[in-house]
Amino acid sequence: MQVDPAPHFEDPGDDNDNHWWKEIKGFLKNVASATKGASRKQVLRELRRRFSDDQIIEIEAKLAEAATKMGENPPPFIPF
């Protein structure tokens, strides 16, 4: 499994949070589609090829923080 976001040339900022939140959710939807049917253990194994456990935890925390800021529930990142 390899899912890389396309590069964007637009800087994140307070005036375009909604845009970036939609981009993040779209990216996570693509990840979920690519990992459909995979267990949490399988997804974590793939993530650990590129990220440390601490980085994965930080990503999950930042997603939760962003969702709270946007008034939404955190999008799924790793299946339970």
Protein backbone atom coordinates (compact mmCIF):
# COMPACT_ATOMS: atom_id res chain seq x y z
CA MET A 1 0.00 0.00 0.00
CA GLN A 2 1.38 3.39 -0.97
CA VAL A 3 -0.72 6.53 -0.73
CA ASP A 4 1.03 9.86 -1.19
CA PRO A 5 -0.76 13.19 -1.30
CA ALA A 6 -0.31 15.35 -4.35
CA PRO A 7 1.74 18.46 -3.60
CA HIS A 8 -0.19 21.66 -3.08
CA PHE A 9 1.19 25.12 -3.54
CA GLU A 10 -1.28 26.88 -1.28
CA ASP A 11 -0.11 27.77 2.20
CA PRO A 12 -2.32 26.69 5.10
CA GLY A 13 -3.78 29.59 7.01
CA ASP A 14 -6.71 30.58 9.20
CA ASP A 15 -8.54 32.00 6.19
CA ASN A 16 -8.61 28.66 4.37
CA ASP A 17 -9.02 26.11 7.20
CA ASN A 18 -12.19 24.73 5.60
CA HIS A 19 -10.32 24.10 2.35
CA TRP A 20 -7.52 22.23 4.08
CA TRP A 21 -9.93 20.27 6.27
CA LYS A 22 -11.71 19.06 3.11
CA GLU A 23 -8.32 18.14 1.59
CA ILE A 24 -7.40 16.13 4.70
CA LYS A 25 -10.73 14.31 4.77
CA GLY A 26 -10.43 13.54 1.06
CA PHE A 27 -6.93 12.17 1.55
CA LEU A 28 -8.08 10.00 4.47
CA LYS A 29 -10.99 8.74 2.38
CA ASN A 30 -8.47 7.63 -0.27
CA VAL A 31 -6.39 5.92 2.42
CA ALA A 32 -9.49 4.14 3.76
CA SER A 33 -10.38 3.02 0.25
CA ALA A 34 -6.85 1.71 -0.34
CA THR A 35 -6.87 -0.20 2.95
CA LYS A 36 -10.46 -1.44 2.77
CA GLY A 37 -10.74 -4.80 4.46
CA ALA A 38 -7.34 -4.50 6.16
CA SER A 39 -7.09 -4.97 9.90
CA ARG A 40 -5.66 -2.36 12.26
CA LYS A 41 -2.53 -4.52 12.59
CA GLN A 42 -2.05 -4.61 8.80
CA VAL A 43 -2.52 -0.84 8.42
CA LEU A 44 -0.12 -0.15 11.29
CA ARG A 45 2.47 -2.46 9.73
CA GLU A 46 2.31 -0.42 6.51
CA LEU A 47 2.44 2.91 8.35
CA ARG A 48 5.47 1.78 10.35
CA ARG A 49 7.41 1.38 7.12
CA ARG A 50 7.38 5.16 6.82
CA PHE A 51 6.52 6.54 10.27
CA SER A 52 7.63 5.83 13.84
CA ASP A 53 5.07 4.87 16.49
CA ASP A 54 5.45 8.35 17.99
CA GLN A 55 4.72 9.96 14.63
CA ILE A 56 1.62 7.81 14.14
CA ILE A 57 0.37 8.81 17.60
CA GLU A 58 1.07 12.46 16.79
CA ILE A 59 -0.83 12.21 13.48
CA GLU A 60 -3.86 10.74 15.27
CA ALA A 61 -3.69 13.47 17.93
CA LYS A 62 -3.39 16.25 15.32
CA LEU A 63 -6.36 14.85 13.39
CA ALA A 64 -8.43 14.85 16.58
CA GLU A 65 -7.30 18.42 17.34
CA ALA A 66 -8.17 19.61 13.83
CA ALA A 67 -11.58 17.91 13.94
CA THR A 68 -12.38 19.61 17.23
CA LYS A 69 -11.35 22.97 15.77
CA MET A 70 -13.62 22.35 12.78
CA GLY A 71 -16.52 21.21 15.02
CA GLU A 72 -16.51 17.65 13.69
CA ASN A 73 -15.64 14.16 14.83
CA PRO A 74 -12.15 12.97 13.90
CA PRO A 75 -12.11 11.18 10.55
CA PRO A 76 -11.07 7.52 10.59
CA PHE A 77 -7.31 7.12 10.27
CA ILE A 78 -6.58 3.56 11.38
CA PRO A 79 -9.34 0.92 11.65
CA PHE A 80 -10.17 -0.31 15.14
